[in-house]
């Protein structure tokens, strides 16, 4: 009869000890991003992604890119437990040649590091719009050549 009571008391003490030691204050900062890749579609130049701190400690973060055509805002900040930061990424396609361009964004923090791949497409302009306009075609009078 004493054995089940002692076993129950020991089991209860062990549960109290284990549950008491599981405190969220013990979790360090931990970085999570909501995307691993950002793709800018045709004529799109602004995209967003989020970063979250799932740890209980404060997380200092910095967001940067070595690619001159990418602008990131905000570039740094501090997040508490389960706080989310919305990061804006702007692709400046005016300085790019036509075609597909790739880059990367580095998110660095005391809760980890993440890289986000970026793809930007600068499409060729519409040929009818860019290369000719009917107002600028001059056909000499009296000429017998076809200009079609």
Protein backbone atom coordinates (compact mmCIF):
# COMPACT_ATOMS: atom_id res chain seq x y z
CA UNK A 1 0.00 0.00 0.00
CA UNK A 2 2.89 2.35 0.77
CA UNK A 3 4.57 1.63 -2.57
CA UNK A 4 1.76 3.12 -4.76
CA UNK A 5 1.58 6.22 -2.54
CA UNK A 6 5.35 6.70 -2.65
CA UNK A 7 5.38 6.11 -6.42
CA UNK A 8 2.54 8.61 -6.92
CA UNK A 9 4.28 11.19 -4.74
CA UNK A 10 7.57 10.70 -6.59
CA UNK A 11 5.83 10.98 -9.97
CA UNK A 12 3.99 14.14 -8.88
CA UNK A 13 7.26 15.69 -7.58
CA UNK A 14 9.01 14.87 -10.84
CA UNK A 15 6.19 16.48 -12.87
CA UNK A 16 6.30 19.64 -10.77
CA UNK A 17 10.07 19.82 -11.15
CA UNK A 18 9.94 19.33 -14.93
CA UNK A 19 7.08 21.76 -15.52
CA UNK A 20 8.67 24.34 -13.27
CA UNK A 21 11.90 24.21 -15.21
CA UNK A 22 10.16 24.74 -18.59
CA UNK A 23 10.11 28.49 -18.52
CA UNK A 24 9.88 30.57 -21.68
CA UNK A 25 12.46 32.96 -20.20
CA UNK A 26 15.11 30.35 -20.92
CA UNK A 27 14.62 30.41 -24.70
CA UNK A 28 17.16 32.50 -26.61
CA UNK A 29 16.20 34.67 -29.59
CA UNK A 30 15.39 32.67 -32.71
CA UNK A 31 15.06 34.11 -36.23
CA UNK A 32 12.39 32.93 -38.69
CA UNK A 33 11.58 34.39 -42.11
CA UNK A 34 8.31 33.88 -43.98
CA UNK A 35 10.02 33.36 -47.34
CA UNK A 36 13.25 31.96 -48.72
CA UNK A 37 12.89 33.54 -52.16
CA UNK A 38 11.48 36.77 -53.54
CA UNK A 39 10.52 36.94 -57.21
CA UNK A 40 9.68 40.29 -58.80
CA UNK A 41 7.25 39.76 -61.64
CA UNK A 42 7.12 41.80 -64.83
CA UNK A 43 6.75 45.53 -64.04
CA UNK A 44 6.76 44.86 -60.28
CA UNK A 45 9.33 46.72 -58.18
CA UNK A 46 8.17 46.41 -54.52
CA UNK A 47 7.86 43.19 -52.49
CA UNK A 48 7.64 42.44 -48.76
CA UNK A 49 8.73 39.67 -46.42
CA UNK A 50 8.46 39.18 -42.68
CA UNK A 51 10.88 38.19 -39.96
CA UNK A 52 9.79 36.85 -36.56
CA UNK A 53 11.50 36.27 -33.23
CA UNK A 54 10.18 33.00 -31.77
CA UNK A 55 12.54 33.12 -28.79
CA UNK A 56 11.82 34.97 -25.58
CA UNK A 57 14.97 37.09 -25.52
CA UNK A 58 15.12 40.31 -27.53
CA UNK A 59 16.46 39.89 -31.03
CA UNK A 60 18.55 42.55 -32.78
CA UNK A 61 18.45 42.16 -36.55
CA UNK A 62 20.11 43.71 -39.59
CA UNK A 63 18.92 43.25 -43.18
CA UNK A 64 21.29 43.99 -46.06
CA UNK A 65 22.14 43.24 -49.68
CA UNK A 66 25.32 43.72 -51.69
CA UNK A 67 23.27 44.20 -54.86
CA UNK A 68 23.04 47.86 -55.89
CA UNK A 69 19.60 47.42 -57.49
CA UNK A 70 17.97 46.35 -54.18
CA UNK A 71 16.89 48.79 -51.45
CA UNK A 72 15.74 47.40 -48.09
CA UNK A 73 13.72 49.17 -45.42
CA UNK A 74 13.95 49.00 -42.43
CA UNK A 75 17.51 47.76 -42.43
CA UNK A 76 17.66 47.03 -38.69
CA UNK A 77 15.56 46.77 -35.56
CA UNK A 78 14.78 44.94 -32.33
CA UNK A 79 12.05 42.30 -31.95
CA UNK A 80 10.59 40.88 -28.74
CA UNK A 81 8.89 37.50 -28.24
CA UNK A 82 6.70 36.63 -31.28
CA UNK A 83 7.03 40.11 -32.78
CA UNK A 84 7.05 40.42 -36.56
CA UNK A 85 8.85 42.99 -38.71
CA UNK A 86 7.57 43.71 -42.24
CA UNK A 87 10.56 44.33 -44.50
CA UNK A 88 10.14 46.22 -47.79
CA UNK A 89 12.38 45.34 -50.74
CA UNK A 90 12.49 47.73 -53.70
CA UNK A 91 14.08 46.69 -57.01
CA UNK A 92 15.46 49.64 -58.98
CA UNK A 93 15.16 48.29 -62.51
CA UNK A 94 16.18 51.63 -64.05
CA UNK A 95 19.84 50.77 -63.48
CA UNK A 96 19.52 47.23 -64.88
CA UNK A 97 19.88 45.88 -68.39
CA UNK A 98 17.00 43.92 -69.88
CA UNK A 99 16.65 40.32 -68.72
CA UNK A 100 16.76 38.27 -65.53
CA UNK A 101 18.88 39.44 -62.59
CA UNK A 102 19.55 37.57 -59.35
CA UNK A 103 20.64 38.79 -55.96
CA UNK A 104 20.41 37.92 -52.30
CA UNK A 105 19.36 39.46 -49.01
CA UNK A 106 21.14 38.68 -45.76
CA UNK A 107 19.13 38.74 -42.52
CA UNK A 108 21.57 38.61 -39.61
CA UNK A 109 20.60 38.57 -35.94
CA UNK A 110 21.54 37.24 -32.53
CA UNK A 111 18.89 34.57 -33.22
CA UNK A 112 20.44 33.24 -36.42
CA UNK A 113 21.19 34.11 -40.03
CA UNK A 114 19.07 33.62 -43.15
CA UNK A 115 19.70 34.25 -46.84
CA UNK A 116 16.82 35.13 -49.16
CA UNK A 117 17.32 34.71 -52.91
CA UNK A 118 15.95 37.47 -55.14
CA UNK A 119 15.00 37.38 -58.83
CA UNK A 120 14.21 40.52 -60.79
CA UNK A 121 13.05 40.61 -64.41
CA UNK A 122 13.42 43.72 -66.51
CA UNK A 123 11.34 42.94 -69.61
CA UNK A 124 12.07 44.21 -73.07
CA UNK A 125 9.88 47.17 -73.93
CA UNK A 126 7.00 46.76 -76.33
CA UNK A 127 8.62 47.13 -79.78
CA UNK A 128 5.73 49.08 -81.27
CA UNK A 129 5.95 51.56 -78.42
CA UNK A 130 9.70 51.99 -78.28
CA UNK A 131 11.17 51.66 -81.73
CA UNK A 132 8.80 53.42 -84.01
CA UNK A 133 5.97 55.84 -84.00
CA UNK A 134 3.92 56.60 -87.10
CA UNK A 135 4.30 60.34 -86.50
CA UNK A 136 8.05 60.13 -87.04
CA UNK A 137 8.08 58.17 -90.30
CA UNK A 138 8.78 60.58 -93.13
CA UNK A 139 8.06 59.37 -96.63
CA UNK A 140 9.52 61.58 -99.34
CA UNK A 141 7.02 62.73 -101.92
CA UNK A 142 7.45 61.39 -105.42
CA UNK A 143 9.42 58.37 -104.22
CA UNK A 144 8.53 55.07 -105.89
CA UNK A 145 9.78 52.80 -103.04
CA UNK A 146 7.46 50.82 -100.80
CA UNK A 147 7.67 51.70 -97.08
CA UNK A 148 5.63 48.93 -95.52
